[in-house]
Amino acid sequence: MALVSGMDVISECTARRQVAGAFNTTNLETTMGIIDAVERVGVPTFIQVAPTNVALSGYEYIYDMVARRLASTSVPVALHLDHGKSLEAVEAALAARFTSIMIDDSEASYEQNVATSTAARAMTPAHIALEAELGSIGGKEDDIGPEHAATTDPAQVPGFVEAVGVDMLAVSVGNVHGVAPHARIDFDLLADVRDASSVPLVVHGGSGLPSEQLGRLAEFGVVKVNVASDLRNAMIRTFGEAWTANNDEASLIRVSKEAVVSIRDVVERRIRVLNPAA
């Protein structure tokens, strides 16, 4: 199947009462592991990449790699720009034929966030999903994090969604980027945000949240959960273990194939935790 719009993934998951995992890729092994897991479970999914992770390859390479592997897959998958921090990043991802976009100016003032996000909406065709962030999610990803984390204010949600015209709203409700084993969702706050929002919600920082919390997110209007650190750790760990076992290891293809399996297993577990009935 060809890549679909993020709008299609949202619609499919909403109709099925499922939550789409959104899994970050950086290379071939990660991409293959993600899609192998998606084929096993059959839940519509986002594959995504942040601007910090296209420094090696560029957006076009990521598109080509993902689209080629998906050609033989029947599950709807969208290719998403994660944490586009500038309009230039949005423009580059759209030029590379990404099918879903995130603009993130959440560290700026509310007014500036609205202005930047509205500009991104104007650049993004209506059939391509647009995600924006309200409140600033804490933690670090790729050693980058906000200077000040701030929870999402439910009172700001209706005006922001209407002013920008977003299709998904990323929220800060106790979730934390990166490896954060003590992160916990504030479900009372999440419920208030859900009630204030006319669009589905997105939770970043899925790697650090406990399974029992991830399994409840569908009840609260969440349609997309981002997972990155768990996948990267699986790949790095696989190569590290191979080196530890044999300092003269030279079979790159063997270890790469093991990394694909490790990533596949992590992704499959996450999708099943998010969707207990899948």
C-alpha atoms as a PDB file:
ATOM      1  CA  MET A   1       0.000   0.000   0.000  1.00  0.00           C
ATOM      2  CA  ALA A   2       1.178   3.501  -0.745  1.00  0.00           C
ATOM      3  CA  LEU A   3       1.646   5.926   2.125  1.00  0.00           C
ATOM      4  CA  VAL A   4      -1.657   7.390   3.291  1.00  0.00           C
ATOM      5  CA  SER A   5      -2.426  10.779   4.793  1.00  0.00           C
ATOM      6  CA  GLY A   6      -2.314  11.198   8.518  1.00  0.00           C
ATOM      7  CA  MET A   7      -5.990  12.091   8.173  1.00  0.00           C
ATOM      8  CA  ASP A   8      -6.675   8.531   7.020  1.00  0.00           C
ATOM      9  CA  VAL A   9      -4.822   7.046   9.981  1.00  0.00           C
ATOM     10  CA  ILE A  10      -6.791   9.279  12.360  1.00  0.00           C
ATOM     11  CA  SER A  11     -10.088   8.317  10.723  1.00  0.00           C
ATOM     12  CA  GLU A  12      -9.300   4.594  10.760  1.00  0.00           C
ATOM     13  CA  CYS A  13      -8.229   4.612  14.393  1.00  0.00           C
ATOM     14  CA  THR A  14     -11.208   6.712  15.469  1.00  0.00           C
ATOM     15  CA  ALA A  15     -13.601   4.359  13.697  1.00  0.00           C
ATOM     16  CA  ARG A  16     -11.933   1.296  15.240  1.00  0.00           C
ATOM     17  CA  ARG A  17     -11.474   2.904  18.677  1.00  0.00           C
ATOM     18  CA  GLN A  18      -7.747   2.297  18.400  1.00  0.00           C
ATOM     19  CA  VAL A  19      -4.640   4.318  19.163  1.00  0.00           C
ATOM     20  CA  ALA A  20      -1.964   4.741  16.505  1.00  0.00           C
ATOM     21  CA  GLY A  21       1.587   4.281  17.610  1.00  0.00           C
ATOM     22  CA  ALA A  22       3.926   6.881  16.133  1.00  0.00           C
ATOM     23  CA  PHE A  23       7.387   5.379  15.854  1.00  0.00           C
ATOM     24  CA  ASN A  24      10.521   7.355  15.044  1.00  0.00           C
ATOM     25  CA  THR A  25      12.905   6.049  12.443  1.00  0.00           C
ATOM     26  CA  THR A  26      16.399   7.107  11.462  1.00  0.00           C
ATOM     27  CA  ASN A  27      17.626   4.256   9.279  1.00  0.00           C
ATOM     28  CA  LEU A  28      16.752   1.106   7.348  1.00  0.00           C
ATOM     29  CA  GLU A  29      16.886  -1.298  10.299  1.00  0.00           C
ATOM     30  CA  THR A  30      14.498   0.804  12.363  1.00  0.00           C
ATOM     31  CA  THR A  31      12.101   1.241   9.446  1.00  0.00           C
ATOM     32  CA  MET A  32      12.033  -2.480   8.703  1.00  0.00           C
ATOM     33  CA  GLY A  33      11.483  -3.352  12.358  1.00  0.00           C
ATOM     34  CA  ILE A  34       8.577  -0.900  12.665  1.00  0.00           C
ATOM     35  CA  ILE A  35       6.802  -2.133   9.546  1.00  0.00           C
ATOM     36  CA  ASP A  36       7.374  -5.803  10.390  1.00  0.00           C
ATOM     37  CA  ALA A  37       5.541  -5.167  13.680  1.00  0.00           C
ATOM     38  CA  VAL A  38       2.760  -3.178  11.992  1.00  0.00           C
ATOM     39  CA  GLU A  39       2.141  -6.074   9.610  1.00  0.00           C
ATOM     40  CA  ARG A  40       1.875  -8.478  12.545  1.00  0.00           C
ATOM     41  CA  VAL A  41      -0.700  -6.421  14.460  1.00  0.00           C
ATOM     42  CA  GLY A  42      -2.584  -4.573  11.699  1.00  0.00           C
ATOM     43  CA  VAL A  43      -3.211  -1.296  13.547  1.00  0.00           C
ATOM     44  CA  PRO A  44      -2.873   1.923  11.453  1.00  0.00           C
ATOM     45  CA  THR A  45       0.386   3.635  12.335  1.00  0.00           C
ATOM     46  CA  PHE A  46       2.547   6.721  11.943  1.00  0.00           C
ATOM     47  CA  ILE A  47       6.218   6.414  11.056  1.00  0.00           C
ATOM     48  CA  GLN A  48       7.963   9.665  11.826  1.00  0.00           C
ATOM     49  CA  VAL A  49      11.260  11.476  11.863  1.00  0.00           C
ATOM     50  CA  ALA A  50      12.329  14.678  13.589  1.00  0.00           C
ATOM     51  CA  PRO A  51      14.520  17.314  11.916  1.00  0.00           C
ATOM     52  CA  THR A  52      17.347  16.385  14.313  1.00  0.00           C
ATOM     53  CA  ASN A  53      17.386  12.906  12.761  1.00  0.00           C
ATOM     54  CA  VAL A  54      17.546  13.815   9.080  1.00  0.00           C
ATOM     55  CA  ALA A  55      21.016  15.317   9.396  1.00  0.00           C
ATOM     56  CA  LEU A  56      22.543  12.130   7.970  1.00  0.00           C
ATOM     57  CA  SER A  57      20.000  11.217   5.316  1.00  0.00           C
ATOM     58  CA  GLY A  58      17.723  14.121   4.445  1.00  0.00           C
ATOM     59  CA  TYR A  59      13.936  13.941   4.194  1.00  0.00           C
ATOM     60  CA  GLU A  60      13.906  12.445   0.696  1.00  0.00           C
ATOM     61  CA  TYR A  61      15.882   9.372   1.727  1.00  0.00           C
ATOM     62  CA  ILE A  62      13.507   8.738   4.631  1.00  0.00           C
ATOM     63  CA  TYR A  63      10.526   9.016   2.283  1.00  0.00           C
ATOM     64  CA  ASP A  64      12.027   6.650  -0.286  1.00  0.00           C
ATOM     65  CA  MET A  65      13.000   4.075   2.340  1.00  0.00           C
ATOM     66  CA  VAL A  66       9.605   4.064   4.066  1.00  0.00           C
ATOM     67  CA  ALA A  67       7.542   4.174   0.872  1.00  0.00           C
ATOM     68  CA  ARG A  68       9.502   1.312  -0.726  1.00  0.00           C
ATOM     69  CA  ARG A  69       9.072  -0.979   2.281  1.00  0.00           C
ATOM     70  CA  LEU A  70       5.372  -0.140   2.573  1.00  0.00           C
ATOM     71  CA  ALA A  71       4.634  -1.072  -1.043  1.00  0.00           C
ATOM     72  CA  SER A  72       3.921  -4.660   0.010  1.00  0.00           C
ATOM     73  CA  THR A  73       2.017  -3.750   3.194  1.00  0.00           C
ATOM     74  CA  SER A  74      -1.782  -3.602   3.523  1.00  0.00           C
ATOM     75  CA  VAL A  75      -1.943  -1.601   6.790  1.00  0.00           C
ATOM     76  CA  PRO A  76      -2.494   2.192   6.506  1.00  0.00           C
ATOM     77  CA  VAL A  77       0.675   4.062   7.466  1.00  0.00           C
ATOM     78  CA  ALA A  78       1.419   7.799   7.327  1.00  0.00           C
ATOM     79  CA  LEU A  79       4.856   9.424   7.198  1.00  0.00           C
ATOM     80  CA  HIS A  80       4.962  12.189   9.791  1.00  0.00           C
ATOM     81  CA  LEU A  81       7.277  15.117  10.522  1.00  0.00           C
ATOM     82  CA  ASP A  82       7.867  15.003  14.278  1.00  0.00           C
ATOM     83  CA  HIS A  83       8.582  18.254  16.134  1.00  0.00           C
ATOM     84  CA  GLY A  84       8.989  20.527  13.150  1.00  0.00           C
ATOM     85  CA  LYS A  85      10.484  23.501  14.952  1.00  0.00           C
ATOM     86  CA  SER A  86      10.418  25.834  11.965  1.00  0.00           C
ATOM     87  CA  LEU A  87       8.390  26.567   8.869  1.00  0.00           C
ATOM     88  CA  GLU A  88      11.480  25.603   6.862  1.00  0.00           C
ATOM     89  CA  ALA A  89      11.273  22.083   8.301  1.00  0.00           C
ATOM     90  CA  VAL A  90       7.592  21.905   7.371  1.00  0.00           C
ATOM     91  CA  GLU A  91       8.388  23.070   3.841  1.00  0.00           C
ATOM     92  CA  ALA A  92      11.182  20.487   3.465  1.00  0.00           C
ATOM     93  CA  ALA A  93       9.028  17.609   4.697  1.00  0.00           C
ATOM     94  CA  LEU A  94       6.166  18.568   2.399  1.00  0.00           C
ATOM     95  CA  ALA A  95       8.561  18.814  -0.539  1.00  0.00           C
ATOM     96  CA  ALA A  96       9.737  15.275   0.266  1.00  0.00           C
ATOM     97  CA  ARG A  97       6.076  14.084   0.143  1.00  0.00           C
ATOM     98  CA  PHE A  98       5.511  13.491   3.832  1.00  0.00           C
ATOM     99  CA  THR A  99       1.842  12.843   4.515  1.00  0.00           C
ATOM    100  CA  SER A 100       1.505  14.258   8.028  1.00  0.00           C
ATOM    101  CA  ILE A 101       3.108  17.265   9.715  1.00  0.00           C
ATOM    102  CA  MET A 102       3.816  18.539  13.220  1.00  0.00           C
ATOM    103  CA  ILE A 103       4.630  22.163  13.876  1.00  0.00           C
ATOM    104  CA  ASP A 104       6.035  22.793  17.342  1.00  0.00           C
ATOM    105  CA  ASP A 105       6.439  26.332  18.618  1.00  0.00           C
ATOM    106  CA  SER A 106       5.176  25.384  22.059  1.00  0.00           C
ATOM    107  CA  GLU A 107       8.036  27.046  23.929  1.00  0.00           C
ATOM    108  CA  ALA A 108       7.016  30.440  22.574  1.00  0.00           C
ATOM    109  CA  SER A 109       4.202  32.572  23.954  1.00  0.00           C
ATOM    110  CA  TYR A 110       0.646  31.454  23.306  1.00  0.00           C
ATOM    111  CA  GLU A 111       0.246  34.209  20.722  1.00  0.00           C
ATOM    112  CA  GLN A 112       3.443  33.280  18.891  1.00  0.00           C
ATOM    113  CA  ASN A 113       2.519  29.596  18.979  1.00  0.00           C
ATOM    114  CA  VAL A 114      -0.819  30.431  17.360  1.00  0.00           C
ATOM    115  CA  ALA A 115       0.896  32.575  14.705  1.00  0.00           C
ATOM    116  CA  THR A 116       3.532  29.970  13.803  1.00  0.00           C
ATOM    117  CA  SER A 117       1.046  27.099  13.816  1.00  0.00           C
ATOM    118  CA  THR A 118      -1.410  29.081  11.672  1.00  0.00           C
ATOM    119  CA  ALA A 119       1.363  29.733   9.157  1.00  0.00           C
ATOM    120  CA  ALA A 120       2.124  26.004   9.066  1.00  0.00           C
ATOM    121  CA  ARG A 121      -1.566  25.285   8.485  1.00  0.00           C
ATOM    122  CA  ALA A 122      -1.558  27.655   5.527  1.00  0.00           C
ATOM    123  CA  MET A 123       1.423  25.782   4.038  1.00  0.00           C
ATOM    124  CA  THR A 124      -0.040  22.314   4.635  1.00  0.00           C
ATOM    125  CA  PRO A 125      -2.660  21.001   2.182  1.00  0.00           C
ATOM    126  CA  ALA A 126      -6.019  20.263   3.789  1.00  0.00           C
ATOM    127  CA  HIS A 127      -5.751  16.533   3.071  1.00  0.00           C
ATOM    128  CA  ILE A 128      -2.486  16.300   5.044  1.00  0.00           C
ATOM    129  CA  ALA A 129      -2.857  16.121   8.822  1.00  0.00           C
ATOM    130  CA  LEU A 130      -1.408  18.917  10.948  1.00  0.00           C
ATOM    131  CA  GLU A 131      -0.419  18.419  14.585  1.00  0.00           C
ATOM    132  CA  ALA A 132       0.562  21.260  16.903  1.00  0.00           C
ATOM    133  CA  GLU A 133       1.582  21.350  20.562  1.00  0.00           C
ATOM    134  CA  LEU A 134      -0.023  23.367  23.341  1.00  0.00           C
ATOM    135  CA  GLY A 135       1.878  23.318  26.594  1.00  0.00           C
ATOM    136  CA  SER A 136       5.531  22.347  26.516  1.00  0.00           C
ATOM    137  CA  ILE A 137       6.458  18.678  27.032  1.00  0.00           C
ATOM    138  CA  GLY A 138       9.429  18.152  29.325  1.00  0.00           C
ATOM    139  CA  GLY A 139      12.373  15.792  29.086  1.00  0.00           C
ATOM    140  CA  LYS A 140      14.955  15.407  26.354  1.00  0.00           C
ATOM    141  CA  GLU A 141      15.051  13.692  22.985  1.00  0.00           C
ATOM    142  CA  ASP A 142      18.388  13.575  21.154  1.00  0.00           C
ATOM    143  CA  ASP A 143      19.741  15.649  24.068  1.00  0.00           C
ATOM    144  CA  ILE A 144      17.336  18.467  23.165  1.00  0.00           C
ATOM    145  CA  GLY A 145      14.587  19.612  25.480  1.00  0.00           C
ATOM    146  CA  PRO A 146      12.642  22.735  26.401  1.00  0.00           C
ATOM    147  CA  GLU A 147      14.079  25.262  28.823  1.00  0.00           C
ATOM    148  CA  HIS A 148      10.779  25.266  30.669  1.00  0.00           C
ATOM    149  CA  ALA A 149       8.164  22.520  30.586  1.00  0.00           C
ATOM    150  CA  ALA A 150       4.553  23.576  31.077  1.00  0.00           C
ATOM    151  CA  THR A 151       1.338  21.612  31.263  1.00  0.00           C
ATOM    152  CA  THR A 152      -1.470  22.211  28.795  1.00  0.00           C
ATOM    153  CA  ASP A 153      -4.058  24.725  29.998  1.00  0.00           C
ATOM    154  CA  PRO A 154      -7.534  23.374  29.133  1.00  0.00           C
ATOM    155  CA  ALA A 155      -8.877  26.939  28.986  1.00  0.00           C
ATOM    156  CA  GLN A 156      -6.585  27.698  26.043  1.00  0.00           C
ATOM    157  CA  VAL A 157      -7.468  24.582  24.072  1.00  0.00           C
ATOM    158  CA  PRO A 158     -10.715  25.624  22.271  1.00  0.00           C
ATOM    159  CA  GLY A 159      -9.299  28.936  21.063  1.00  0.00           C
ATOM    160  CA  PHE A 160      -6.029  27.392  19.917  1.00  0.00           C
ATOM    161  CA  VAL A 161      -7.682  24.561  17.994  1.00  0.00           C
ATOM    162  CA  GLU A 162     -10.122  26.923  16.295  1.00  0.00           C
ATOM    163  CA  ALA A 163      -7.549  29.605  15.488  1.00  0.00           C
ATOM    164  CA  VAL A 164      -5.027  27.209  13.970  1.00  0.00           C
ATOM    165  CA  GLY A 165      -7.278  24.561  12.435  1.00  0.00           C
ATOM    166  CA  VAL A 166      -5.196  21.656  13.702  1.00  0.00           C
ATOM    167  CA  ASP A 167      -6.214  18.042  13.139  1.00  0.00           C
ATOM    168  CA  MET A 168      -4.385  16.701  16.226  1.00  0.00           C
ATOM    169  CA  LEU A 169      -3.311  18.422  19.437  1.00  0.00           C
ATOM    170  CA  ALA A 170      -0.152  17.335  21.275  1.00  0.00           C
ATOM    171  CA  VAL A 171      -0.575  17.871  25.007  1.00  0.00           C
ATOM    172  CA  SER A 172       1.582  18.071  28.110  1.00  0.00           C
ATOM    173  CA  VAL A 173      -0.193  16.210  30.901  1.00  0.00           C
ATOM    174  CA  GLY A 174       2.635  14.528  32.805  1.00  0.00           C
ATOM    175  CA  ASN A 175       4.222  12.828  29.808  1.00  0.00           C
ATOM    176  CA  VAL A 176       7.959  13.365  29.332  1.00  0.00           C
ATOM    177  CA  HIS A 177      10.249  12.921  26.348  1.00  0.00           C
ATOM    178  CA  GLY A 178      13.049  10.383  26.405  1.00  0.00           C
ATOM    179  CA  VAL A 179      13.772   7.679  28.960  1.00  0.00           C
ATOM    180  CA  ALA A 180      11.665   8.854  31.897  1.00  0.00           C
ATOM    181  CA  PRO A 181      10.673   5.876  34.078  1.00  0.00           C
ATOM    182  CA  HIS A 182       8.947   8.085  36.649  1.00  0.00           C
ATOM    183  CA  ALA A 183       6.674   9.906  34.175  1.00  0.00           C
ATOM    184  CA  ARG A 184       2.960   9.557  34.888  1.00  0.00           C
ATOM    185  CA  ILE A 185      -0.130  10.865  33.096  1.00  0.00           C
ATOM    186  CA  ASP A 186      -2.386  13.201  35.073  1.00  0.00           C
ATOM    187  CA  PHE A 187      -5.651  11.670  33.925  1.00  0.00           C
ATOM    188  CA  ASP A 188      -7.784  14.370  35.560  1.00  0.00           C
ATOM    189  CA  LEU A 189      -5.975  17.008  33.524  1.00  0.00           C
ATOM    190  CA  LEU A 190      -6.105  14.843  30.410  1.00  0.00           C
ATOM    191  CA  ALA A 191      -9.876  14.486  30.841  1.00  0.00           C
ATOM    192  CA  ASP A 192     -10.255  18.269  31.104  1.00  0.00           C
ATOM    193  CA  VAL A 193      -8.182  18.746  27.954  1.00  0.00           C
ATOM    194  CA  ARG A 194     -10.193  16.084  26.114  1.00  0.00           C
ATOM    195  CA  ASP A 195     -13.437  17.778  27.072  1.00  0.00           C
ATOM    196  CA  ALA A 196     -12.129  21.117  25.831  1.00  0.00           C
ATOM    197  CA  SER A 197     -10.777  19.826  22.515  1.00  0.00           C
ATOM    198  CA  SER A 198     -12.715  19.273  19.308  1.00  0.00           C
ATOM    199  CA  VAL A 199      -9.847  17.287  17.770  1.00  0.00           C
ATOM    200  CA  PRO A 200      -8.053  14.080  18.836  1.00  0.00           C
ATOM    201  CA  LEU A 201      -5.114  14.321  21.209  1.00  0.00           C
ATOM    202  CA  VAL A 202      -1.491  13.203  20.925  1.00  0.00           C
ATOM    203  CA  VAL A 203       0.698  12.002  23.784  1.00  0.00           C
ATOM    204  CA  HIS A 204       4.460  12.218  23.313  1.00  0.00           C
ATOM    205  CA  GLY A 205       6.933  10.343  25.489  1.00  0.00           C
ATOM    206  CA  GLY A 206       5.392   6.882  25.182  1.00  0.00           C
ATOM    207  CA  SER A 207       8.711   5.168  25.991  1.00  0.00           C
ATOM    208  CA  GLY A 208       8.607   6.236  29.628  1.00  0.00           C
ATOM    209  CA  LEU A 209       4.964   5.601  30.496  1.00  0.00           C
ATOM    210  CA  PRO A 210       3.822   2.422  32.271  1.00  0.00           C
ATOM    211  CA  SER A 211       1.749  -0.077  30.330  1.00  0.00           C
ATOM    212  CA  GLU A 212      -1.315   0.356  32.514  1.00  0.00           C
ATOM    213  CA  GLN A 213      -1.406   4.060  31.650  1.00  0.00           C
ATOM    214  CA  LEU A 214      -0.786   3.541  27.938  1.00  0.00           C
ATOM    215  CA  GLY A 215      -3.659   1.087  27.815  1.00  0.00           C
ATOM    216  CA  ARG A 216      -6.110   3.737  29.094  1.00  0.00           C
ATOM    217  CA  LEU A 217      -5.315   6.524  26.645  1.00  0.00           C
ATOM    218  CA  ALA A 218      -7.994   5.581  24.101  1.00  0.00           C
ATOM    219  CA  GLU A 219     -10.624   6.452  26.744  1.00  0.00           C
ATOM    220  CA  PHE A 220      -9.377  10.043  26.796  1.00  0.00           C
ATOM    221  CA  GLY A 221      -9.535  11.008  23.134  1.00  0.00           C
ATOM    222  CA  VAL A 222      -5.911  10.119  22.388  1.00  0.00           C
ATOM    223  CA  VAL A 223      -5.391   8.939  18.802  1.00  0.00           C
ATOM    224  CA  LYS A 224      -1.568   8.999  18.538  1.00  0.00           C
ATOM    225  CA  VAL A 225       1.209   8.075  20.975  1.00  0.00           C
ATOM    226  CA  ASN A 226       4.848   8.772  20.141  1.00  0.00           C
ATOM    227  CA  VAL A 227       7.577   6.227  20.882  1.00  0.00           C
ATOM    228  CA  ALA A 228      11.218   6.867  20.002  1.00  0.00           C
ATOM    229  CA  SER A 229      13.717   6.152  22.784  1.00  0.00           C
ATOM    230  CA  ASP A 230      12.689   2.504  23.204  1.00  0.00           C
ATOM    231  CA  LEU A 231      13.445   1.796  19.534  1.00  0.00           C
ATOM    232  CA  ARG A 232      16.792   3.551  19.544  1.00  0.00           C
ATOM    233  CA  ASN A 233      17.796   1.781  22.722  1.00  0.00           C
ATOM    234  CA  ALA A 234      16.875  -1.594  21.203  1.00  0.00           C
ATOM    235  CA  MET A 235      19.146  -1.012  18.223  1.00  0.00           C
ATOM    236  CA  ILE A 236      22.075   0.360  20.194  1.00  0.00           C
ATOM    237  CA  ARG A 237      21.758  -2.439  22.741  1.00  0.00           C
ATOM    238  CA  THR A 238      21.796  -5.092  20.001  1.00  0.00           C
ATOM    239  CA  PHE A 239      25.029  -3.780  18.538  1.00  0.00           C
ATOM    240  CA  GLY A 240      26.553  -3.273  21.980  1.00  0.00           C
ATOM    241  CA  GLU A 241      25.769  -6.837  23.023  1.00  0.00           C
ATOM    242  CA  ALA A 242      27.273  -8.174  19.794  1.00  0.00           C
ATOM    243  CA  TRP A 243      30.475  -6.234  20.437  1.00  0.00           C
ATOM    244  CA  THR A 244      30.643  -7.356  24.070  1.00  0.00           C
ATOM    245  CA  ALA A 245      30.184 -10.981  23.061  1.00  0.00           C
ATOM    246  CA  ASN A 246      32.872 -10.778  20.394  1.00  0.00           C
ATOM    247  CA  ASN A 247      35.210  -7.812  20.031  1.00  0.00           C
ATOM    248  CA  ASP A 248      36.151  -9.137  16.600  1.00  0.00           C
ATOM    249  CA  GLU A 249      32.555  -9.256  15.331  1.00  0.00           C
ATOM    250  CA  ALA A 250      32.568  -8.276  11.655  1.00  0.00           C
ATOM    251  CA  SER A 251      29.210  -9.555  10.340  1.00  0.00           C
ATOM    252  CA  LEU A 252      27.361  -6.285  10.035  1.00  0.00           C
ATOM    253  CA  ILE A 253      24.434  -7.870   8.217  1.00  0.00           C
ATOM    254  CA  ARG A 254      23.904 -10.502  10.926  1.00  0.00           C
ATOM    255  CA  VAL A 255      23.859  -7.926  13.718  1.00  0.00           C
ATOM    256  CA  SER A 256      21.686  -5.589  11.646  1.00  0.00           C
ATOM    257  CA  LYS A 257      19.124  -8.357  11.159  1.00  0.00           C
ATOM    258  CA  GLU A 258      19.152  -9.000  14.899  1.00  0.00           C
ATOM    259  CA  ALA A 259      18.522  -5.279  15.442  1.00  0.00           C
ATOM    260  CA  VAL A 260      15.495  -5.418  13.122  1.00  0.00           C
ATOM    261  CA  VAL A 261      14.015  -8.231  15.226  1.00  0.00           C
ATOM    262  CA  SER A 262      14.714  -6.350  18.471  1.00  0.00           C
ATOM    263  CA  ILE A 263      13.009  -3.222  17.155  1.00  0.00           C
ATOM    264  CA  ARG A 264      10.093  -5.243  15.771  1.00  0.00           C
ATOM    265  CA  ASP A 265       9.489  -6.809  19.171  1.00  0.00           C
ATOM    266  CA  VAL A 266       9.529  -3.436  20.951  1.00  0.00           C
ATOM    267  CA  VAL A 267       7.104  -1.899  18.455  1.00  0.00           C
ATOM    268  CA  GLU A 268       4.747  -4.873  18.540  1.00  0.00           C
ATOM    269  CA  ARG A 269       4.606  -4.786  22.331  1.00  0.00           C
ATOM    270  CA  ARG A 270       3.856  -1.067  22.321  1.00  0.00           C
ATOM    271  CA  ILE A 271       1.070  -1.383  19.751  1.00  0.00           C
ATOM    272  CA  ARG A 272      -0.548  -4.208  21.710  1.00  0.00           C
ATOM    273  CA  VAL A 273      -0.288  -2.292  24.994  1.00  0.00           C
ATOM    274  CA  LEU A 274      -1.970   0.715  23.377  1.00  0.00           C
ATOM    275  CA  ASN A 275      -4.631  -1.532  21.852  1.00  0.00           C
ATOM    276  CA  PRO A 276      -5.357  -4.424  24.239  1.00  0.00           C
ATOM    277  CA  ALA A 277      -8.053  -5.813  21.920  1.00  0.00           C
ATOM    278  CA  ALA A 278      -5.797  -5.871  18.847  1.00  0.00           C
END
